[in-house]
Amino acid sequence: MPIRATVWGENVHEQKNKFVAENYPKGMHGQIAALLSEDKNIVASTVTLQDVEHGLTEKKLDETDVLLWWGHAAHKDVEDAIVERVVERVWQGMGLIVLHSGHHSKVFKRLMGTPANLHWREAGERERIWVVNPGHPIAKGLPPYFELETEEMYGEPFSVPEPLETVFVSWFQGGEVFRSGLTYRRGAGNIFYFRPGHETYPTYHDKMVGQVLRNSVNWAFNAERHAHLMKAPNTPVEKAIEPIVERGAKLTHHPKS
């Protein structure tokens, strides 16, 4: 079965900024989905902030193996109940790929437990993305580095937890560096943060960026779901793996079934 990837797009800048609209006439989410669809192992669909329940209904998440998230101007407009719904799905095993300014999304900050702050500059400068973990599946098929001629600068420090792996490090024309490809695991879910993707530049038309996105979907995919991780059941004495005798006082009483 192919991997079912859902691209969540904020779909705000496309409606208000002519440069974004010119770069992405079908929306950024539409272009990201088009890049993913170049892999025959991926079936990509899109939802947006403006959809009912932001497009992330229980049914849609049931049909999602990997969720890609791009947001910027309307993080605060994402309902907290939907955020918790997505986070619980990640804990159970759904993959999550957070793109560019999605670092400040409620979903990413909830999963990281940190502010996810950084330095930035919007100057259309060159970004050189170094592959610092060439054996990683997300780096498959990439050269030692690739460049984006115009991008927004993100600079360290990036206030996120130490990642499981750093796949990419970026250098910018102004001199800053940034950990631009980071992996995490939360519960049973694989998470990848990928830095490039400023909306006024044609980043999601770049061949190498497309390769990274397709690789990351394949990497983040997990066919299993672990709903039991959402529960904290009591194991009574009589169901202990080894025989034990109950001793001492306790705070709770669990009647025998």
C-alpha atoms as a PDB file:
ATOM      1  CA  MET A   1       0.000   0.000   0.000  1.00  0.00           C
ATOM      2  CA  PRO A   2       1.290   3.502  -0.782  1.00  0.00           C
ATOM      3  CA  ILE A   3       2.085   5.973   1.976  1.00  0.00           C
ATOM      4  CA  ARG A   4      -0.795   8.363   2.566  1.00  0.00           C
ATOM      5  CA  ALA A   5       0.693  11.842   3.048  1.00  0.00           C
ATOM      6  CA  THR A   6      -1.491  14.786   4.044  1.00  0.00           C
ATOM      7  CA  VAL A   7      -0.117  18.283   3.439  1.00  0.00           C
ATOM      8  CA  TRP A   8      -1.556  20.839   5.869  1.00  0.00           C
ATOM      9  CA  GLY A   9      -1.308  24.383   4.532  1.00  0.00           C
ATOM     10  CA  GLU A  10      -2.155  27.593   6.309  1.00  0.00           C
ATOM     11  CA  ASN A  11      -3.277  29.063   2.950  1.00  0.00           C
ATOM     12  CA  VAL A  12      -3.183  32.678   4.133  1.00  0.00           C
ATOM     13  CA  HIS A  13      -0.242  34.319   2.347  1.00  0.00           C
ATOM     14  CA  GLU A  14      -1.343  32.849  -0.984  1.00  0.00           C
ATOM     15  CA  GLN A  15      -4.555  34.867  -0.697  1.00  0.00           C
ATOM     16  CA  LYS A  16      -2.968  38.156   0.387  1.00  0.00           C
ATOM     17  CA  ASN A  17       0.493  38.448  -1.190  1.00  0.00           C
ATOM     18  CA  LYS A  18       0.943  38.632  -4.964  1.00  0.00           C
ATOM     19  CA  PHE A  19       4.488  37.242  -4.851  1.00  0.00           C
ATOM     20  CA  VAL A  20       3.346  34.147  -2.978  1.00  0.00           C
ATOM     21  CA  ALA A  21       0.398  33.760  -5.334  1.00  0.00           C
ATOM     22  CA  GLU A  22       2.728  33.988  -8.342  1.00  0.00           C
ATOM     23  CA  ASN A  23       5.116  31.413  -6.885  1.00  0.00           C
ATOM     24  CA  TYR A  24       2.328  29.040  -5.896  1.00  0.00           C
ATOM     25  CA  PRO A  25      -0.817  29.512  -8.006  1.00  0.00           C
ATOM     26  CA  LYS A  26      -2.212  26.255  -6.604  1.00  0.00           C
ATOM     27  CA  GLY A  27      -1.159  27.143  -3.076  1.00  0.00           C
ATOM     28  CA  MET A  28       2.012  26.129  -1.275  1.00  0.00           C
ATOM     29  CA  HIS A  29       0.242  23.013  -0.033  1.00  0.00           C
ATOM     30  CA  GLY A  30      -0.623  22.148  -3.645  1.00  0.00           C
ATOM     31  CA  GLN A  31       2.970  22.475  -4.806  1.00  0.00           C
ATOM     32  CA  ILE A  32       4.311  20.450  -1.871  1.00  0.00           C
ATOM     33  CA  ALA A  33       1.801  17.715  -2.683  1.00  0.00           C
ATOM     34  CA  ALA A  34       2.915  17.800  -6.323  1.00  0.00           C
ATOM     35  CA  LEU A  35       6.533  17.239  -5.266  1.00  0.00           C
ATOM     36  CA  LEU A  36       5.513  14.295  -3.104  1.00  0.00           C
ATOM     37  CA  SER A  37       3.477  12.765  -5.913  1.00  0.00           C
ATOM     38  CA  GLU A  38       6.641  12.298  -7.980  1.00  0.00           C
ATOM     39  CA  ASP A  39       7.225   9.268  -5.741  1.00  0.00           C
ATOM     40  CA  LYS A  40       4.896   6.454  -6.817  1.00  0.00           C
ATOM     41  CA  ASN A  41       5.025   5.140  -3.251  1.00  0.00           C
ATOM     42  CA  ILE A  42       3.304   8.299  -1.944  1.00  0.00           C
ATOM     43  CA  VAL A  43      -0.314   9.386  -2.362  1.00  0.00           C
ATOM     44  CA  ALA A  44      -0.536  13.059  -1.376  1.00  0.00           C
ATOM     45  CA  SER A  45      -3.607  15.062  -0.447  1.00  0.00           C
ATOM     46  CA  THR A  46      -4.065  18.574   0.959  1.00  0.00           C
ATOM     47  CA  VAL A  47      -6.096  20.278   3.671  1.00  0.00           C
ATOM     48  CA  THR A  48      -6.021  23.866   4.888  1.00  0.00           C
ATOM     49  CA  LEU A  49      -6.633  26.017   7.923  1.00  0.00           C
ATOM     50  CA  GLN A  50      -9.929  27.197   6.433  1.00  0.00           C
ATOM     51  CA  ASP A  51     -11.419  23.705   6.130  1.00  0.00           C
ATOM     52  CA  VAL A  52     -13.837  22.350   8.727  1.00  0.00           C
ATOM     53  CA  GLU A  53     -11.767  21.324  11.776  1.00  0.00           C
ATOM     54  CA  HIS A  54      -8.804  22.710   9.791  1.00  0.00           C
ATOM     55  CA  GLY A  55      -9.159  19.652   7.577  1.00  0.00           C
ATOM     56  CA  LEU A  56      -7.847  17.425  10.362  1.00  0.00           C
ATOM     57  CA  THR A  57     -10.955  15.479  11.238  1.00  0.00           C
ATOM     58  CA  GLU A  58     -10.723  12.134  12.995  1.00  0.00           C
ATOM     59  CA  LYS A  59     -11.523  10.466   9.681  1.00  0.00           C
ATOM     60  CA  LYS A  60      -8.809  12.362   7.799  1.00  0.00           C
ATOM     61  CA  LEU A  61      -6.207  11.518  10.412  1.00  0.00           C
ATOM     62  CA  ASP A  62      -7.292   7.873  10.249  1.00  0.00           C
ATOM     63  CA  GLU A  63      -6.359   8.071   6.568  1.00  0.00           C
ATOM     64  CA  THR A  64      -3.000   9.806   7.160  1.00  0.00           C
ATOM     65  CA  ASP A  65       0.309   8.002   7.559  1.00  0.00           C
ATOM     66  CA  VAL A  66       2.486  11.130   7.456  1.00  0.00           C
ATOM     67  CA  LEU A  67       1.359  14.724   8.050  1.00  0.00           C
ATOM     68  CA  LEU A  68       3.320  17.661   6.617  1.00  0.00           C
ATOM     69  CA  TRP A  69       2.776  21.044   8.283  1.00  0.00           C
ATOM     70  CA  TRP A  70       3.413  24.517   6.854  1.00  0.00           C
ATOM     71  CA  GLY A  71       2.231  27.563   8.801  1.00  0.00           C
ATOM     72  CA  HIS A  72       3.369  31.116   9.510  1.00  0.00           C
ATOM     73  CA  ALA A  73       0.858  33.959   9.917  1.00  0.00           C
ATOM     74  CA  ALA A  74      -1.988  32.182  11.693  1.00  0.00           C
ATOM     75  CA  HIS A  75      -0.487  29.821  14.270  1.00  0.00           C
ATOM     76  CA  LYS A  76      -2.812  31.292  16.912  1.00  0.00           C
ATOM     77  CA  ASP A  77      -5.875  30.496  14.799  1.00  0.00           C
ATOM     78  CA  VAL A  78      -5.326  26.737  15.011  1.00  0.00           C
ATOM     79  CA  GLU A  79      -7.752  25.399  17.597  1.00  0.00           C
ATOM     80  CA  ASP A  80      -6.153  23.794  20.645  1.00  0.00           C
ATOM     81  CA  ALA A  81      -8.436  20.760  20.417  1.00  0.00           C
ATOM     82  CA  ILE A  82      -7.154  20.051  16.898  1.00  0.00           C
ATOM     83  CA  VAL A  83      -3.565  20.477  18.086  1.00  0.00           C
ATOM     84  CA  GLU A  84      -4.110  17.864  20.800  1.00  0.00           C
ATOM     85  CA  ARG A  85      -5.740  15.557  18.273  1.00  0.00           C
ATOM     86  CA  VAL A  86      -2.680  15.765  16.007  1.00  0.00           C
ATOM     87  CA  VAL A  87      -0.217  15.378  18.884  1.00  0.00           C
ATOM     88  CA  GLU A  88      -1.985  12.242  20.107  1.00  0.00           C
ATOM     89  CA  ARG A  89      -1.805  10.761  16.619  1.00  0.00           C
ATOM     90  CA  VAL A  90       1.941  11.431  16.529  1.00  0.00           C
ATOM     91  CA  TRP A  91       2.377   9.767  19.910  1.00  0.00           C
ATOM     92  CA  GLN A  92       0.568   6.724  18.501  1.00  0.00           C
ATOM     93  CA  GLY A  93       2.828   6.492  15.442  1.00  0.00           C
ATOM     94  CA  MET A  94       1.758   8.959  12.740  1.00  0.00           C
ATOM     95  CA  GLY A  95       4.742  10.628  11.085  1.00  0.00           C
ATOM     96  CA  LEU A  96       5.086  14.419  11.191  1.00  0.00           C
ATOM     97  CA  ILE A  97       7.186  16.692   8.975  1.00  0.00           C
ATOM     98  CA  VAL A  98       7.334  20.337  10.079  1.00  0.00           C
ATOM     99  CA  LEU A  99       8.387  22.830   7.427  1.00  0.00           C
ATOM    100  CA  HIS A 100      10.089  26.224   7.720  1.00  0.00           C
ATOM    101  CA  SER A 101       8.063  28.633   9.910  1.00  0.00           C
ATOM    102  CA  GLY A 102       6.074  25.693  11.220  1.00  0.00           C
ATOM    103  CA  HIS A 103       8.710  25.718  13.975  1.00  0.00           C
ATOM    104  CA  HIS A 104       6.405  28.164  15.786  1.00  0.00           C
ATOM    105  CA  SER A 105       3.261  26.110  15.217  1.00  0.00           C
ATOM    106  CA  LYS A 106       1.333  24.990  18.259  1.00  0.00           C
ATOM    107  CA  VAL A 107       1.810  21.373  17.201  1.00  0.00           C
ATOM    108  CA  PHE A 108       5.614  21.567  16.997  1.00  0.00           C
ATOM    109  CA  LYS A 109       6.047  23.560  20.210  1.00  0.00           C
ATOM    110  CA  ARG A 110       3.703  21.172  22.028  1.00  0.00           C
ATOM    111  CA  LEU A 111       5.776  18.188  20.921  1.00  0.00           C
ATOM    112  CA  MET A 112       9.134  19.858  21.600  1.00  0.00           C
ATOM    113  CA  GLY A 113       8.162  21.408  24.937  1.00  0.00           C
ATOM    114  CA  THR A 114      10.293  24.481  24.152  1.00  0.00           C
ATOM    115  CA  PRO A 115       9.776  27.939  22.565  1.00  0.00           C
ATOM    116  CA  ALA A 116      11.472  26.868  19.291  1.00  0.00           C
ATOM    117  CA  ASN A 117      12.813  30.415  18.834  1.00  0.00           C
ATOM    118  CA  LEU A 118      15.554  31.486  16.424  1.00  0.00           C
ATOM    119  CA  HIS A 119      17.088  34.493  14.655  1.00  0.00           C
ATOM    120  CA  TRP A 120      15.824  35.449  11.206  1.00  0.00           C
ATOM    121  CA  ARG A 121      16.319  37.878   8.318  1.00  0.00           C
ATOM    122  CA  GLU A 122      14.233  38.226   5.151  1.00  0.00           C
ATOM    123  CA  ALA A 123      16.781  39.363   2.568  1.00  0.00           C
ATOM    124  CA  GLY A 124      16.648  36.836  -0.270  1.00  0.00           C
ATOM    125  CA  GLU A 125      20.144  35.563   0.434  1.00  0.00           C
ATOM    126  CA  ARG A 126      21.827  32.369  -0.688  1.00  0.00           C
ATOM    127  CA  GLU A 127      21.447  29.313   1.527  1.00  0.00           C
ATOM    128  CA  ARG A 128      23.952  26.462   1.256  1.00  0.00           C
ATOM    129  CA  ILE A 129      22.550  23.282   2.781  1.00  0.00           C
ATOM    130  CA  TRP A 130      25.226  20.822   3.837  1.00  0.00           C
ATOM    131  CA  VAL A 131      24.465  17.117   4.168  1.00  0.00           C
ATOM    132  CA  VAL A 132      26.167  16.335   7.480  1.00  0.00           C
ATOM    133  CA  ASN A 133      24.686  12.829   7.797  1.00  0.00           C
ATOM    134  CA  PRO A 134      25.083  11.378   4.284  1.00  0.00           C
ATOM    135  CA  GLY A 135      24.113   7.853   5.329  1.00  0.00           C
ATOM    136  CA  HIS A 136      20.726   8.933   6.615  1.00  0.00           C
ATOM    137  CA  PRO A 137      17.650   7.872   4.592  1.00  0.00           C
ATOM    138  CA  ILE A 138      16.468  11.494   4.394  1.00  0.00           C
ATOM    139  CA  ALA A 139      19.723  12.363   2.587  1.00  0.00           C
ATOM    140  CA  LYS A 140      19.400   9.580   0.008  1.00  0.00           C
ATOM    141  CA  GLY A 141      20.291  10.723  -3.502  1.00  0.00           C
ATOM    142  CA  LEU A 142      21.577  14.139  -2.447  1.00  0.00           C
ATOM    143  CA  PRO A 143      24.965  15.686  -3.259  1.00  0.00           C
ATOM    144  CA  PRO A 144      27.314  16.771  -0.441  1.00  0.00           C
ATOM    145  CA  TYR A 145      25.517  20.125  -0.452  1.00  0.00           C
ATOM    146  CA  PHE A 146      22.959  22.047  -2.474  1.00  0.00           C
ATOM    147  CA  GLU A 147      22.098  25.726  -2.709  1.00  0.00           C
ATOM    148  CA  LEU A 148      18.971  27.848  -2.774  1.00  0.00           C
ATOM    149  CA  GLU A 149      19.738  31.175  -4.410  1.00  0.00           C
ATOM    150  CA  THR A 150      17.115  33.138  -2.449  1.00  0.00           C
ATOM    151  CA  GLU A 151      15.891  32.208   0.998  1.00  0.00           C
ATOM    152  CA  GLU A 152      15.053  33.669   4.389  1.00  0.00           C
ATOM    153  CA  MET A 153      17.832  33.348   6.956  1.00  0.00           C
ATOM    154  CA  TYR A 154      17.293  31.348  10.128  1.00  0.00           C
ATOM    155  CA  GLY A 155      20.149  31.547  12.610  1.00  0.00           C
ATOM    156  CA  GLU A 156      21.215  29.830  15.798  1.00  0.00           C
ATOM    157  CA  PRO A 157      20.507  29.462  18.612  1.00  0.00           C
ATOM    158  CA  PHE A 158      17.466  27.370  17.802  1.00  0.00           C
ATOM    159  CA  SER A 159      15.720  26.665  21.101  1.00  0.00           C
ATOM    160  CA  VAL A 160      14.609  23.095  20.514  1.00  0.00           C
ATOM    161  CA  PRO A 161      15.631  19.915  22.348  1.00  0.00           C
ATOM    162  CA  GLU A 162      18.747  18.125  21.190  1.00  0.00           C
ATOM    163  CA  PRO A 163      17.634  16.051  18.185  1.00  0.00           C
ATOM    164  CA  LEU A 164      18.061  12.352  17.702  1.00  0.00           C
ATOM    165  CA  GLU A 165      19.953  13.166  14.492  1.00  0.00           C
ATOM    166  CA  THR A 166      21.085  16.221  12.584  1.00  0.00           C
ATOM    167  CA  VAL A 167      20.811  15.604   8.847  1.00  0.00           C
ATOM    168  CA  PHE A 168      21.435  19.095   7.420  1.00  0.00           C
ATOM    169  CA  VAL A 169      23.246  22.251   8.480  1.00  0.00           C
ATOM    170  CA  SER A 170      22.724  25.494   6.549  1.00  0.00           C
ATOM    171  CA  TRP A 171      25.104  28.384   5.878  1.00  0.00           C
ATOM    172  CA  PHE A 172      23.725  31.740   4.790  1.00  0.00           C
ATOM    173  CA  GLN A 173      25.267  34.485   2.692  1.00  0.00           C
ATOM    174  CA  GLY A 174      25.228  36.827   5.691  1.00  0.00           C
ATOM    175  CA  GLY A 175      27.388  34.391   7.681  1.00  0.00           C
ATOM    176  CA  GLU A 176      24.903  32.636   9.965  1.00  0.00           C
ATOM    177  CA  VAL A 177      24.529  28.874  10.331  1.00  0.00           C
ATOM    178  CA  PHE A 178      21.512  26.814  11.321  1.00  0.00           C
ATOM    179  CA  ARG A 179      20.644  23.184  12.084  1.00  0.00           C
ATOM    180  CA  SER A 180      18.188  22.879   9.238  1.00  0.00           C
ATOM    181  CA  GLY A 181      17.280  19.176   9.237  1.00  0.00           C
ATOM    182  CA  LEU A 182      16.512  17.556  12.603  1.00  0.00           C
ATOM    183  CA  THR A 183      14.850  14.274  13.566  1.00  0.00           C
ATOM    184  CA  TYR A 184      12.936  13.449  16.733  1.00  0.00           C
ATOM    185  CA  ARG A 185      10.735  10.708  18.101  1.00  0.00           C
ATOM    186  CA  ARG A 186       7.807  11.402  20.368  1.00  0.00           C
ATOM    187  CA  GLY A 187       6.030   8.296  21.590  1.00  0.00           C
ATOM    188  CA  ALA A 188       5.917   6.029  18.532  1.00  0.00           C
ATOM    189  CA  GLY A 189       5.929   8.912  16.036  1.00  0.00           C
ATOM    190  CA  ASN A 190       8.837   9.994  13.838  1.00  0.00           C
ATOM    191  CA  ILE A 191       9.264  13.779  13.425  1.00  0.00           C
ATOM    192  CA  PHE A 192      11.440  15.687  10.956  1.00  0.00           C
ATOM    193  CA  TYR A 193      11.960  19.440  10.940  1.00  0.00           C
ATOM    194  CA  PHE A 194      13.161  20.909   7.615  1.00  0.00           C
ATOM    195  CA  ARG A 195      14.059  24.602   7.504  1.00  0.00           C
ATOM    196  CA  PRO A 196      13.754  25.882   3.875  1.00  0.00           C
ATOM    197  CA  GLY A 197      10.416  27.116   2.556  1.00  0.00           C
ATOM    198  CA  HIS A 198       9.901  30.879   2.827  1.00  0.00           C
ATOM    199  CA  GLU A 199       6.733  31.745   0.961  1.00  0.00           C
ATOM    200  CA  THR A 200       7.960  34.656  -1.197  1.00  0.00           C
ATOM    201  CA  TYR A 201      10.703  32.510  -2.759  1.00  0.00           C
ATOM    202  CA  PRO A 202      10.292  29.510  -5.116  1.00  0.00           C
ATOM    203  CA  THR A 203      11.818  27.009  -2.687  1.00  0.00           C
ATOM    204  CA  TYR A 204       9.194  24.312  -3.255  1.00  0.00           C
ATOM    205  CA  HIS A 205      10.000  24.261  -6.956  1.00  0.00           C
ATOM    206  CA  ASP A 206      13.581  23.164  -6.238  1.00  0.00           C
ATOM    207  CA  LYS A 207      14.555  19.633  -7.272  1.00  0.00           C
ATOM    208  CA  MET A 208      16.692  18.932  -4.213  1.00  0.00           C
ATOM    209  CA  VAL A 209      14.034  20.205  -1.814  1.00  0.00           C
ATOM    210  CA  GLY A 210      11.578  17.846  -3.470  1.00  0.00           C
ATOM    211  CA  GLN A 211      13.979  14.964  -2.940  1.00  0.00           C
ATOM    212  CA  VAL A 212      14.276  15.803   0.751  1.00  0.00           C
ATOM    213  CA  LEU A 213      10.501  15.948   1.174  1.00  0.00           C
ATOM    214  CA  ARG A 214       9.949  12.601  -0.527  1.00  0.00           C
ATOM    215  CA  ASN A 215      12.764  10.993   1.431  1.00  0.00           C
ATOM    216  CA  SER A 216      11.410  12.355   4.701  1.00  0.00           C
ATOM    217  CA  VAL A 217       7.915  10.994   4.076  1.00  0.00           C
ATOM    218  CA  ASN A 218       9.345   7.537   3.434  1.00  0.00           C
ATOM    219  CA  TRP A 219      11.511   7.826   6.557  1.00  0.00           C
ATOM    220  CA  ALA A 220       8.698   9.041   8.832  1.00  0.00           C
ATOM    221  CA  PHE A 221       6.234   6.361   7.756  1.00  0.00           C
ATOM    222  CA  ASN A 222       5.216   3.808  10.367  1.00  0.00           C
ATOM    223  CA  ALA A 223       2.463   1.343   9.480  1.00  0.00           C
ATOM    224  CA  GLU A 224       1.717   0.545  13.117  1.00  0.00           C
ATOM    225  CA  ARG A 225      -0.376   2.541  15.591  1.00  0.00           C
ATOM    226  CA  HIS A 226      -0.057   2.204  19.349  1.00  0.00           C
ATOM    227  CA  ALA A 227      -3.294   3.481  20.837  1.00  0.00           C
ATOM    228  CA  HIS A 228      -2.431   1.845  24.166  1.00  0.00           C
ATOM    229  CA  LEU A 229       0.162   4.588  24.688  1.00  0.00           C
ATOM    230  CA  MET A 230      -2.765   6.958  25.337  1.00  0.00           C
ATOM    231  CA  LYS A 231      -3.807   4.964  28.409  1.00  0.00           C
ATOM    232  CA  ALA A 232      -2.327   4.433  31.885  1.00  0.00           C
ATOM    233  CA  PRO A 233      -4.086   1.255  33.112  1.00  0.00           C
ATOM    234  CA  ASN A 234      -3.728  -0.236  36.572  1.00  0.00           C
ATOM    235  CA  THR A 235      -2.384  -3.793  36.641  1.00  0.00           C
ATOM    236  CA  PRO A 236      -3.925  -5.605  39.607  1.00  0.00           C
ATOM    237  CA  VAL A 237      -1.945  -7.938  41.835  1.00  0.00           C
ATOM    238  CA  GLU A 238      -3.638 -11.041  40.500  1.00  0.00           C
ATOM    239  CA  LYS A 239      -2.584 -10.137  36.955  1.00  0.00           C
ATOM    240  CA  ALA A 240       1.103  -9.568  37.727  1.00  0.00           C
ATOM    241  CA  ILE A 241       3.467 -11.517  35.483  1.00  0.00           C
ATOM    242  CA  GLU A 242       5.082 -13.144  38.523  1.00  0.00           C
ATOM    243  CA  PRO A 243       3.152 -14.099  41.712  1.00  0.00           C
ATOM    244  CA  ILE A 244       3.333 -11.357  44.366  1.00  0.00           C
ATOM    245  CA  VAL A 245       1.709 -10.671  47.737  1.00  0.00           C
ATOM    246  CA  GLU A 246       0.178  -7.248  48.292  1.00  0.00           C
ATOM    247  CA  ARG A 247       1.787  -5.353  51.170  1.00  0.00           C
ATOM    248  CA  GLY A 248       1.416  -1.955  52.801  1.00  0.00           C
ATOM    249  CA  ALA A 249      -1.129   0.804  52.514  1.00  0.00           C
ATOM    250  CA  LYS A 250      -2.277   2.240  49.204  1.00  0.00           C
ATOM    251  CA  LEU A 251      -4.137   5.298  47.956  1.00  0.00           C
ATOM    252  CA  THR A 252      -6.467   3.664  45.463  1.00  0.00           C
ATOM    253  CA  HIS A 253      -8.885   0.778  45.583  1.00  0.00           C
ATOM    254  CA  HIS A 254      -9.564  -1.234  42.482  1.00  0.00           C
ATOM    255  CA  PRO A 255     -12.421  -3.751  42.992  1.00  0.00           C
ATOM    256  CA  LYS A 256     -11.856  -7.166  41.509  1.00  0.00           C
ATOM    257  CA  SER A 257     -13.744  -7.733  38.286  1.00  0.00           C
END
